[in-house]
Structures are given as C-alpha cells and as structure tokens.
Amino acid sequence: MAKKQEIRTVSFVHIGDELVNTDDLDDDQRRRLATWLKTTYLNTLFQGKAEFFESSGEGDCQERRRGVK
C-alpha cells in the first residue's frame, strides 16, 4: 500500500510589487480575486462564443447585450 502524505498548498497574489498570501486578503480583495478568476476561466472556455465581465449593477447585462457601453 502506498504511503499517505499530507499535501499543503499555499497561494499568493501580486498586490503592487508585493506577493501576498491569499489567506491575508480582506473580503473585498477575495471577492475581486474570485471574480477575476471566474471571468478569466469563462472567457477562455467560451472564447469567440461569449464574453464575460464583472457587472457593476443590474442594468449592465442588458445594456452590454444590446451593444450599449
């Protein structure tokens, strides 16, 4: 039987010139990071078929769909 070994992962992000542990981010920074990760993933997955972006309000989605910026 294979030996079990615990694996610990740690993630960092650049804030300015500093590397910051993601555990040290405040709630707003975590939300912005999560939004960036999700939109980047979805835009890569659906490249040429759809465009995803962070919405600043409820009206953004409808306006963007109609081509109004």
PDB file of N, CA and C in Angstrom:
ATOM      1  N   MET A   1       0.835  -1.183   0.000  1.00  0.00           N
ATOM      2  CA  MET A   1       0.000   0.000   0.000  1.00  0.00           C
ATOM      3  C   MET A   1       0.887   1.256   0.000  1.00  0.00           C
ATOM      4  N   ALA A   2       0.451   2.266  -0.718  1.00  0.00           N
ATOM      5  CA  ALA A   2       1.220   3.500  -0.828  1.00  0.00           C
ATOM      6  C   ALA A   2       1.208   4.272   0.487  1.00  0.00           C
ATOM      7  N   LYS A   3       2.301   4.941   0.741  1.00  0.00           N
ATOM      8  CA  LYS A   3       2.420   5.759   1.948  1.00  0.00           C
ATOM      9  C   LYS A   3       1.578   7.026   1.777  1.00  0.00           C
ATOM     10  N   LYS A   4       0.750   7.326   2.779  1.00  0.00           N
ATOM     11  CA  LYS A   4      -0.070   8.546   2.714  1.00  0.00           C
ATOM     12  C   LYS A   4       0.751   9.719   3.214  1.00  0.00           C
ATOM     13  N   GLN A   5       0.641  10.812   2.475  1.00  0.00           N
ATOM     14  CA  GLN A   5       1.391  12.008   2.822  1.00  0.00           C
ATOM     15  C   GLN A   5       0.464  13.211   2.715  1.00  0.00           C
ATOM     16  N   GLU A   6       0.528  14.070   3.699  1.00  0.00           N
ATOM     17  CA  GLU A   6      -0.314  15.281   3.673  1.00  0.00           C
ATOM     18  C   GLU A   6       0.319  16.300   2.733  1.00  0.00           C
ATOM     19  N   ILE A   7      -0.517  16.897   1.889  1.00  0.00           N
ATOM     20  CA  ILE A   7      -0.056  17.924   0.961  1.00  0.00           C
ATOM     21  C   ILE A   7      -0.689  19.240   1.372  1.00  0.00           C
ATOM     22  N   ARG A   8       0.127  20.247   1.530  1.00  0.00           N
ATOM     23  CA  ARG A   8      -0.365  21.576   1.913  1.00  0.00           C
ATOM     24  C   ARG A   8      -0.106  22.527   0.753  1.00  0.00           C
ATOM     25  N   THR A   9      -1.133  23.247   0.338  1.00  0.00           N
ATOM     26  CA  THR A   9      -0.978  24.215  -0.747  1.00  0.00           C
ATOM     27  C   THR A   9      -1.118  25.626  -0.197  1.00  0.00           C
ATOM     28  N   VAL A  10      -0.368  26.537  -0.772  1.00  0.00           N
ATOM     29  CA  VAL A  10      -0.408  27.937  -0.376  1.00  0.00           C
ATOM     30  C   VAL A  10      -0.454  28.750  -1.661  1.00  0.00           C
ATOM     31  N   SER A  11      -1.301  29.790  -1.689  1.00  0.00           N
ATOM     32  CA  SER A  11      -1.386  30.616  -2.893  1.00  0.00           C
ATOM     33  C   SER A  11      -1.076  32.073  -2.557  1.00  0.00           C
ATOM     34  N   PHE A  12      -0.480  32.734  -3.523  1.00  0.00           N
ATOM     35  CA  PHE A  12      -0.100  34.131  -3.369  1.00  0.00           C
ATOM     36  C   PHE A  12      -0.586  34.916  -4.581  1.00  0.00           C
ATOM     37  N   VAL A  13      -0.811  36.219  -4.382  1.00  0.00           N
ATOM     38  CA  VAL A  13      -1.159  37.127  -5.470  1.00  0.00           C
ATOM     39  C   VAL A  13      -0.252  38.353  -5.378  1.00  0.00           C
ATOM     40  N   HIS A  14      -0.042  38.983  -6.511  1.00  0.00           N
ATOM     41  CA  HIS A  14       0.725  40.230  -6.527  1.00  0.00           C
ATOM     42  C   HIS A  14      -0.200  41.383  -6.192  1.00  0.00           C
ATOM     43  N   ILE A  15       0.158  42.171  -5.220  1.00  0.00           N
ATOM     44  CA  ILE A  15      -0.511  43.448  -4.945  1.00  0.00           C
ATOM     45  C   ILE A  15       0.592  44.489  -5.024  1.00  0.00           C
ATOM     46  N   GLY A  16       0.597  45.221  -6.132  1.00  0.00           N
ATOM     47  CA  GLY A  16       1.718  46.115  -6.396  1.00  0.00           C
ATOM     48  C   GLY A  16       2.948  45.273  -6.657  1.00  0.00           C
ATOM     49  N   ASP A  17       4.010  45.541  -5.919  1.00  0.00           N
ATOM     50  CA  ASP A  17       5.254  44.779  -6.065  1.00  0.00           C
ATOM     51  C   ASP A  17       5.385  43.673  -5.027  1.00  0.00           C
ATOM     52  N   GLU A  18       4.381  43.520  -4.167  1.00  0.00           N
ATOM     53  CA  GLU A  18       4.446  42.533  -3.093  1.00  0.00           C
ATOM     54  C   GLU A  18       3.677  41.266  -3.422  1.00  0.00           C
ATOM     55  N   LEU A  19       4.196  40.137  -2.947  1.00  0.00           N
ATOM     56  CA  LEU A  19       3.463  38.880  -3.001  1.00  0.00           C
ATOM     57  C   LEU A  19       2.721  38.745  -1.673  1.00  0.00           C
ATOM     58  N   VAL A  20       1.405  38.554  -1.764  1.00  0.00           N
ATOM     59  CA  VAL A  20       0.569  38.490  -0.566  1.00  0.00           C
ATOM     60  C   VAL A  20      -0.128  37.135  -0.526  1.00  0.00           C
ATOM     61  N   ASN A  21      -0.087  36.485   0.610  1.00  0.00           N
ATOM     62  CA  ASN A  21      -0.774  35.221   0.809  1.00  0.00           C
ATOM     63  C   ASN A  21      -2.277  35.468   0.690  1.00  0.00           C
ATOM     64  N   THR A  22      -2.983  34.631  -0.044  1.00  0.00           N
ATOM     65  CA  THR A  22      -4.427  34.838  -0.226  1.00  0.00           C
ATOM     66  C   THR A  22      -5.198  34.698   1.079  1.00  0.00           C
ATOM     67  N   ASP A  23      -4.631  34.026   2.074  1.00  0.00           N
ATOM     68  CA  ASP A  23      -5.280  33.955   3.386  1.00  0.00           C
ATOM     69  C   ASP A  23      -5.315  35.315   4.074  1.00  0.00           C
ATOM     70  N   ASP A  24      -4.421  36.233   3.673  1.00  0.00           N
ATOM     71  CA  ASP A  24      -4.333  37.550   4.289  1.00  0.00           C
ATOM     72  C   ASP A  24      -5.185  38.609   3.594  1.00  0.00           C
ATOM     73  N   LEU A  25      -5.908  38.247   2.534  1.00  0.00           N
ATOM     74  CA  LEU A  25      -6.743  39.206   1.815  1.00  0.00           C
ATOM     75  C   LEU A  25      -8.009  39.511   2.602  1.00  0.00           C
ATOM     76  N   ASP A  26      -8.494  40.762   2.483  1.00  0.00           N
ATOM     77  CA  ASP A  26      -9.769  41.092   3.119  1.00  0.00           C
ATOM     78  C   ASP A  26     -10.915  40.615   2.223  1.00  0.00           C
ATOM     79  N   ASP A  27     -12.140  40.748   2.698  1.00  0.00           N
ATOM     80  CA  ASP A  27     -13.299  40.220   1.966  1.00  0.00           C
ATOM     81  C   ASP A  27     -13.442  40.814   0.570  1.00  0.00           C
ATOM     82  N   ASP A  28     -13.222  42.123   0.433  1.00  0.00           N
ATOM     83  CA  ASP A  28     -13.355  42.767  -0.874  1.00  0.00           C
ATOM     84  C   ASP A  28     -12.277  42.263  -1.841  1.00  0.00           C
ATOM     85  N   GLN A  29     -11.053  42.113  -1.354  1.00  0.00           N
ATOM     86  CA  GLN A  29      -9.974  41.609  -2.203  1.00  0.00           C
ATOM     87  C   GLN A  29     -10.234  40.165  -2.625  1.00  0.00           C
ATOM     88  N   ARG A  30     -10.774  39.356  -1.727  1.00  0.00           N
ATOM     89  CA  ARG A  30     -11.121  37.965  -2.068  1.00  0.00           C
ATOM     90  C   ARG A  30     -12.219  37.917  -3.130  1.00  0.00           C
ATOM     91  N   ARG A  31     -13.221  38.787  -2.994  1.00  0.00           N
ATOM     92  CA  ARG A  31     -14.310  38.832  -3.971  1.00  0.00           C
ATOM     93  C   ARG A  31     -13.785  39.234  -5.340  1.00  0.00           C
ATOM     94  N   ARG A  32     -12.924  40.251  -5.375  1.00  0.00           N
ATOM     95  CA  ARG A  32     -12.368  40.694  -6.655  1.00  0.00           C
ATOM     96  C   ARG A  32     -11.489  39.621  -7.291  1.00  0.00           C
ATOM     97  N   LEU A  33     -10.717  38.910  -6.466  1.00  0.00           N
ATOM     98  CA  LEU A  33      -9.889  37.819  -6.980  1.00  0.00           C
ATOM     99  C   LEU A  33     -10.764  36.707  -7.543  1.00  0.00           C
ATOM    100  N   ALA A  34     -11.805  36.335  -6.817  1.00  0.00           N
ATOM    101  CA  ALA A  34     -12.708  35.270  -7.278  1.00  0.00           C
ATOM    102  C   ALA A  34     -13.389  35.665  -8.586  1.00  0.00           C
ATOM    103  N   THR A  35     -13.811  36.911  -8.685  1.00  0.00           N
ATOM    104  CA  THR A  35     -14.460  37.394  -9.911  1.00  0.00           C
ATOM    105  C   THR A  35     -13.481  37.346 -11.077  1.00  0.00           C
ATOM    106  N   TRP A  36     -12.250  37.792 -10.857  1.00  0.00           N
ATOM    107  CA  TRP A  36     -11.248  37.765 -11.914  1.00  0.00           C
ATOM    108  C   TRP A  36     -10.968  36.330 -12.361  1.00  0.00           C
ATOM    109  N   LEU A  37     -10.816  35.415 -11.409  1.00  0.00           N
ATOM    110  CA  LEU A  37     -10.555  34.014 -11.757  1.00  0.00           C
ATOM    111  C   LEU A  37     -11.705  33.416 -12.569  1.00  0.00           C
ATOM    112  N   LYS A  38     -12.936  33.676 -12.137  1.00  0.00           N
ATOM    113  CA  LYS A  38     -14.107  33.114 -12.832  1.00  0.00           C
ATOM    114  C   LYS A  38     -14.256  33.689 -14.234  1.00  0.00           C
ATOM    115  N   THR A  39     -14.128  35.017 -14.364  1.00  0.00           N
ATOM    116  CA  THR A  39     -14.294  35.617 -15.694  1.00  0.00           C
ATOM    117  C   THR A  39     -13.167  35.192 -16.634  1.00  0.00           C
ATOM    118  N   THR A  40     -11.946  35.080 -16.124  1.00  0.00           N
ATOM    119  CA  THR A  40     -10.828  34.623 -16.951  1.00  0.00           C
ATOM    120  C   THR A  40     -11.069  33.200 -17.433  1.00  0.00           C
ATOM    121  N   TYR A  41     -11.504  32.335 -16.538  1.00  0.00           N
ATOM    122  CA  TYR A  41     -11.794  30.947 -16.894  1.00  0.00           C
ATOM    123  C   TYR A  41     -12.908  30.872 -17.944  1.00  0.00           C
ATOM    124  N   LEU A  42     -14.012  31.577 -17.691  1.00  0.00           N
ATOM    125  CA  LEU A  42     -15.148  31.514 -18.613  1.00  0.00           C
ATOM    126  C   LEU A  42     -14.815  32.128 -19.968  1.00  0.00           C
ATOM    127  N   ASN A  43     -14.080  33.237 -19.994  1.00  0.00           N
ATOM    128  CA  ASN A  43     -13.705  33.855 -21.269  1.00  0.00           C
ATOM    129  C   ASN A  43     -12.773  32.951 -22.074  1.00  0.00           C
ATOM    130  N   THR A  44     -11.921  32.204 -21.395  1.00  0.00           N
ATOM    131  CA  THR A  44     -11.056  31.245 -22.089  1.00  0.00           C
ATOM    132  C   THR A  44     -11.865  30.066 -22.605  1.00  0.00           C
ATOM    133  N   LEU A  45     -12.764  29.561 -21.779  1.00  0.00           N
ATOM    134  CA  LEU A  45     -13.580  28.409 -22.148  1.00  0.00           C
ATOM    135  C   LEU A  45     -14.501  28.710 -23.325  1.00  0.00           C
ATOM    136  N   PHE A  46     -15.091  29.907 -23.345  1.00  0.00           N
ATOM    137  CA  PHE A  46     -16.063  30.273 -24.385  1.00  0.00           C
ATOM    138  C   PHE A  46     -15.503  31.304 -25.369  1.00  0.00           C
ATOM    139  N   GLN A  47     -14.197  31.300 -25.569  1.00  0.00           N
ATOM    140  CA  GLN A  47     -13.554  32.262 -26.453  1.00  0.00           C
ATOM    141  C   GLN A  47     -14.183  32.238 -27.847  1.00  0.00           C
ATOM    142  N   GLY A  48     -14.584  33.404 -28.346  1.00  0.00           N
ATOM    143  CA  GLY A  48     -15.204  33.521 -29.660  1.00  0.00           C
ATOM    144  C   GLY A  48     -16.699  33.250 -29.663  1.00  0.00           C
ATOM    145  N   LYS A  49     -17.249  32.776 -28.543  1.00  0.00           N
ATOM    146  CA  LYS A  49     -18.680  32.477 -28.469  1.00  0.00           C
ATOM    147  C   LYS A  49     -19.411  33.413 -27.529  1.00  0.00           C
ATOM    148  N   ALA A  50     -18.749  33.831 -26.443  1.00  0.00           N
ATOM    149  CA  ALA A  50     -19.369  34.703 -25.445  1.00  0.00           C
ATOM    150  C   ALA A  50     -18.275  35.491 -24.749  1.00  0.00           C
ATOM    151  N   GLU A  51     -18.683  36.612 -24.132  1.00  0.00           N
ATOM    152  CA  GLU A  51     -17.747  37.423 -23.362  1.00  0.00           C
ATOM    153  C   GLU A  51     -18.331  37.640 -21.973  1.00  0.00           C
ATOM    154  N   PHE A  52     -17.551  37.367 -20.964  1.00  0.00           N
ATOM    155  CA  PHE A  52     -17.989  37.550 -19.593  1.00  0.00           C
ATOM    156  C   PHE A  52     -17.217  38.708 -18.983  1.00  0.00           C
ATOM    157  N   PHE A  53     -17.861  39.458 -18.114  1.00  0.00           N
ATOM    158  CA  PHE A  53     -17.244  40.615 -17.483  1.00  0.00           C
ATOM    159  C   PHE A  53     -17.907  40.848 -16.145  1.00  0.00           C
ATOM    160  N   GLU A  54     -17.226  41.613 -15.291  1.00  0.00           N
ATOM    161  CA  GLU A  54     -17.778  41.945 -13.984  1.00  0.00           C
ATOM    162  C   GLU A  54     -18.872  42.986 -14.158  1.00  0.00           C
ATOM    163  N   SER A  55     -20.008  42.744 -13.580  1.00  0.00           N
ATOM    164  CA  SER A  55     -21.129  43.663 -13.655  1.00  0.00           C
ATOM    165  C   SER A  55     -21.049  44.655 -12.503  1.00  0.00           C
ATOM    166  N   SER A  56     -21.263  45.926 -12.807  1.00  0.00           N
ATOM    167  CA  SER A  56     -21.272  46.927 -11.733  1.00  0.00           C
ATOM    168  C   SER A  56     -22.688  47.224 -11.262  1.00  0.00           C
ATOM    169  N   GLY A  57     -23.682  46.590 -11.868  1.00  0.00           N
ATOM    170  CA  GLY A  57     -25.071  46.790 -11.477  1.00  0.00           C
ATOM    171  C   GLY A  57     -25.983  45.915 -12.309  1.00  0.00           C
ATOM    172  N   GLU A  58     -27.258  45.890 -11.969  1.00  0.00           N
ATOM    173  CA  GLU A  58     -28.204  45.013 -12.660  1.00  0.00           C
ATOM    174  C   GLU A  58     -28.381  45.377 -14.127  1.00  0.00           C
ATOM    175  N   GLY A  59     -28.318  46.662 -14.468  1.00  0.00           N
ATOM    176  CA  GLY A  59     -28.552  47.094 -15.841  1.00  0.00           C
ATOM    177  C   GLY A  59     -27.426  46.772 -16.802  1.00  0.00           C
ATOM    178  N   ASP A  60     -26.225  46.485 -16.281  1.00  0.00           N
ATOM    179  CA  ASP A  60     -25.070  46.247 -17.143  1.00  0.00           C
ATOM    180  C   ASP A  60     -25.292  45.125 -18.140  1.00  0.00           C
ATOM    181  N   CYS A  61     -25.845  44.032 -17.681  1.00  0.00           N
ATOM    182  CA  CYS A  61     -26.005  42.851 -18.530  1.00  0.00           C
ATOM    183  C   CYS A  61     -26.886  43.174 -19.735  1.00  0.00           C
ATOM    184  N   GLN A  62     -28.019  43.791 -19.521  1.00  0.00           N
ATOM    185  CA  GLN A  62     -28.927  44.126 -20.608  1.00  0.00           C
ATOM    186  C   GLN A  62     -28.305  45.146 -21.554  1.00  0.00           C
ATOM    187  N   GLU A  63     -27.665  46.183 -21.015  1.00  0.00           N
ATOM    188  CA  GLU A  63     -27.063  47.203 -21.862  1.00  0.00           C
ATOM    189  C   GLU A  63     -25.939  46.625 -22.711  1.00  0.00           C
ATOM    190  N   ARG A  64     -25.116  45.786 -22.136  1.00  0.00           N
ATOM    191  CA  ARG A  64     -23.995  45.195 -22.870  1.00  0.00           C
ATOM    192  C   ARG A  64     -24.493  44.286 -23.974  1.00  0.00           C
ATOM    193  N   ARG A  65     -25.584  43.552 -23.673  1.00  0.00           N
ATOM    194  CA  ARG A  65     -26.139  42.618 -24.668  1.00  0.00           C
ATOM    195  C   ARG A  65     -26.643  43.392 -25.881  1.00  0.00           C
ATOM    196  N   ARG A  66     -27.165  44.564 -25.670  1.00  0.00           N
ATOM    197  CA  ARG A  66     -27.703  45.375 -26.772  1.00  0.00           C
ATOM    198  C   ARG A  66     -26.608  46.158 -27.489  1.00  0.00           C
ATOM    199  N   GLY A  67     -25.368  46.047 -26.992  1.00  0.00           N
ATOM    200  CA  GLY A  67     -24.265  46.762 -27.645  1.00  0.00           C
ATOM    201  C   GLY A  67     -24.050  48.160 -27.130  1.00  0.00           C
ATOM    202  N   VAL A  68     -24.750  48.575 -26.071  1.00  0.00           N
ATOM    203  CA  VAL A  68     -24.569  49.900 -25.494  1.00  0.00           C
ATOM    204  C   VAL A  68     -23.520  49.793 -24.420  1.00  0.00           C
ATOM    205  N   LYS A  69     -22.529  50.685 -24.468  1.00  0.00           N
ATOM    206  CA  LYS A  69     -21.463  50.633 -23.462  1.00  0.00           C
ATOM    207  C   LYS A  69     -21.597  51.748 -22.462  1.00  0.00           C
TER     208      LYS A  69
END
